[in-house]
C-alpha atoms as a PDB file:
ATOM      1  CA  UNK A   1       7.189  -7.646 -21.475  1.00  0.00           C
ATOM      2  CA  UNK A   2       5.878  -4.577 -19.841  1.00  0.00           C
ATOM      3  CA  UNK A   3       7.357  -2.095 -22.129  1.00  0.00           C
ATOM      4  CA  UNK A   4       9.783  -0.369 -19.585  1.00  0.00           C
ATOM      5  CA  UNK A   5      12.526   1.730 -21.108  1.00  0.00           C
ATOM      6  CA  UNK A   6      15.720  -0.371 -21.546  1.00  0.00           C
ATOM      7  CA  UNK A   7      19.270   0.276 -22.922  1.00  0.00           C
ATOM      8  CA  UNK A   8      19.976  -1.781 -26.133  1.00  0.00           C
ATOM      9  CA  UNK A   9      22.857  -3.529 -24.231  1.00  0.00           C
ATOM     10  CA  UNK A  10      20.452  -4.664 -21.634  1.00  0.00           C
ATOM     11  CA  UNK A  11      18.170  -5.932 -24.305  1.00  0.00           C
ATOM     12  CA  UNK A  12      20.966  -7.800 -25.901  1.00  0.00           C
ATOM     13  CA  UNK A  13      21.950  -9.431 -22.565  1.00  0.00           C
ATOM     14  CA  UNK A  14      18.331 -10.550 -21.810  1.00  0.00           C
ATOM     15  CA  UNK A  15      17.603 -11.854 -25.287  1.00  0.00           C
ATOM     16  CA  UNK A  16      20.750 -13.222 -26.952  1.00  0.00           C
ATOM     17  CA  UNK A  17      20.613 -14.048 -30.655  1.00  0.00           C
ATOM     18  CA  UNK A  18      16.857 -13.097 -30.950  1.00  0.00           C
ATOM     19  CA  UNK A  19      14.786 -10.707 -33.127  1.00  0.00           C
ATOM     20  CA  UNK A  20      13.001  -8.198 -30.984  1.00  0.00           C
ATOM     21  CA  UNK A  21       9.961  -6.118 -31.811  1.00  0.00           C
ATOM     22  CA  UNK A  22      10.253  -2.834 -29.900  1.00  0.00           C
ATOM     23  CA  UNK A  23       9.590   0.806 -29.855  1.00  0.00           C
ATOM     24  CA  UNK A  24      12.067   3.698 -29.979  1.00  0.00           C
ATOM     25  CA  UNK A  25      12.093   5.647 -26.724  1.00  0.00           C
ATOM     26  CA  UNK A  26      15.278   7.653 -27.089  1.00  0.00           C
ATOM     27  CA  UNK A  27      17.236   8.359 -30.194  1.00  0.00           C
ATOM     28  CA  UNK A  28      19.185  10.906 -32.116  1.00  0.00           C
ATOM     29  CA  UNK A  29      20.024  11.659 -35.769  1.00  0.00           C
ATOM     30  CA  UNK A  30      23.578  12.061 -37.199  1.00  0.00           C
ATOM     31  CA  UNK A  31      24.221  12.146 -40.920  1.00  0.00           C
ATOM     32  CA  UNK A  32      20.794  10.869 -42.027  1.00  0.00           C
ATOM     33  CA  UNK A  33      20.881   7.918 -39.681  1.00  0.00           C
ATOM     34  CA  UNK A  34      18.800   7.205 -36.466  1.00  0.00           C
ATOM     35  CA  UNK A  35      20.905   6.092 -33.419  1.00  0.00           C
ATOM     36  CA  UNK A  36      18.569   4.441 -31.016  1.00  0.00           C
ATOM     37  CA  UNK A  37      19.769   4.476 -27.340  1.00  0.00           C
ATOM     38  CA  UNK A  38      16.542   3.389 -25.443  1.00  0.00           C
ATOM     39  CA  UNK A  39      13.785   1.059 -26.357  1.00  0.00           C
ATOM     40  CA  UNK A  40      10.630  -0.444 -24.976  1.00  0.00           C
ATOM     41  CA  UNK A  41      10.495  -4.259 -25.765  1.00  0.00           C
ATOM     42  CA  UNK A  42       7.210  -5.319 -27.104  1.00  0.00           C
ATOM     43  CA  UNK A  43       8.269  -9.025 -27.505  1.00  0.00           C
ATOM     44  CA  UNK A  44      10.942 -11.244 -28.764  1.00  0.00           C
ATOM     45  CA  UNK A  45      10.105 -12.911 -31.965  1.00  0.00           C
ATOM     46  CA  UNK A  46      10.418 -16.679 -32.757  1.00  0.00           C
ATOM     47  CA  UNK A  47      12.549 -16.552 -35.926  1.00  0.00           C
ATOM     48  CA  UNK A  48      13.387 -14.436 -39.096  1.00  0.00           C
ATOM     49  CA  UNK A  49       9.965 -15.582 -40.644  1.00  0.00           C
ATOM     50  CA  UNK A  50       8.132 -14.105 -38.052  1.00  0.00           C
ATOM     51  CA  UNK A  51      10.243 -11.040 -37.896  1.00  0.00           C
ATOM     52  CA  UNK A  52       9.674 -10.478 -41.671  1.00  0.00           C
ATOM     53  CA  UNK A  53       5.954 -10.838 -41.187  1.00  0.00           C
ATOM     54  CA  UNK A  54       5.952  -8.460 -38.203  1.00  0.00           C
ATOM     55  CA  UNK A  55       8.154  -5.934 -40.133  1.00  0.00           C
ATOM     56  CA  UNK A  56       5.367  -5.278 -42.636  1.00  0.00           C
ATOM     57  CA  UNK A  57       3.134  -4.240 -39.730  1.00  0.00           C
ATOM     58  CA  UNK A  58       5.580  -1.875 -37.988  1.00  0.00           C
ATOM     59  CA  UNK A  59       4.338   1.821 -37.697  1.00  0.00           C
ATOM     60  CA  UNK A  60       5.260   4.927 -35.965  1.00  0.00           C
ATOM     61  CA  UNK A  61       8.254   4.422 -33.740  1.00  0.00           C
ATOM     62  CA  UNK A  62       8.095   0.489 -33.763  1.00  0.00           C
ATOM     63  CA  UNK A  63      10.935  -1.498 -35.394  1.00  0.00           C
ATOM     64  CA  UNK A  64      12.570  -4.907 -35.308  1.00  0.00           C
ATOM     65  CA  UNK A  65      16.269  -5.578 -34.676  1.00  0.00           C
ATOM     66  CA  UNK A  66      18.287  -8.653 -34.032  1.00  0.00           C
ATOM     67  CA  UNK A  67      20.280  -8.755 -30.830  1.00  0.00           C
ATOM     68  CA  UNK A  68      23.476  -9.691 -32.724  1.00  0.00           C
ATOM     69  CA  UNK A  69      24.055  -5.943 -33.477  1.00  0.00           C
ATOM     70  CA  UNK A  70      26.139  -4.123 -31.112  1.00  0.00           C
ATOM     71  CA  UNK A  71      24.153  -0.887 -31.942  1.00  0.00           C
ATOM     72  CA  UNK A  72      20.929   0.222 -33.389  1.00  0.00           C
ATOM     73  CA  UNK A  73      21.750   2.575 -36.310  1.00  0.00           C
ATOM     74  CA  UNK A  74      19.178   2.936 -39.186  1.00  0.00           C
ATOM     75  CA  UNK A  75      19.048   5.098 -42.224  1.00  0.00           C
ATOM     76  CA  UNK A  76      16.404   7.561 -42.640  1.00  0.00           C
ATOM     77  CA  UNK A  77      14.242   6.618 -45.591  1.00  0.00           C
ATOM     78  CA  UNK A  78      11.930   9.210 -47.160  1.00  0.00           C
ATOM     79  CA  UNK A  79       8.748   8.043 -48.748  1.00  0.00           C
ATOM     80  CA  UNK A  80       8.832   8.260 -52.605  1.00  0.00           C
ATOM     81  CA  UNK A  81       6.817  10.788 -54.360  1.00  0.00           C
ATOM     82  CA  UNK A  82       3.679   9.405 -55.858  1.00  0.00           C
ATOM     83  CA  UNK A  83       3.436   9.890 -59.625  1.00  0.00           C
ATOM     84  CA  UNK A  84       0.686   9.092 -62.089  1.00  0.00           C
ATOM     85  CA  UNK A  85      -2.944   9.761 -62.628  1.00  0.00           C
ATOM     86  CA  UNK A  86      -4.367  12.286 -60.053  1.00  0.00           C
ATOM     87  CA  UNK A  87      -8.156  13.038 -59.814  1.00  0.00           C
END
């Protein structure tokens, strides 16, 4: 894929019933949830096993979603505070 910006509806049409690795291009936040409107497709993934493996590597605005979802809406998760021994 060349990474051009696409609407989620276009991605769903091009890649039915697939996990997709992509980057958030245009989104907004409402009530602590990110609503993604436009994405850049990095590549479709073979199956759930590959999606799980790739998910561990996702950073910045990259994420994975299955095209069975009518919308991309994700809760915002804050990083937990680190506690314990500090030097």
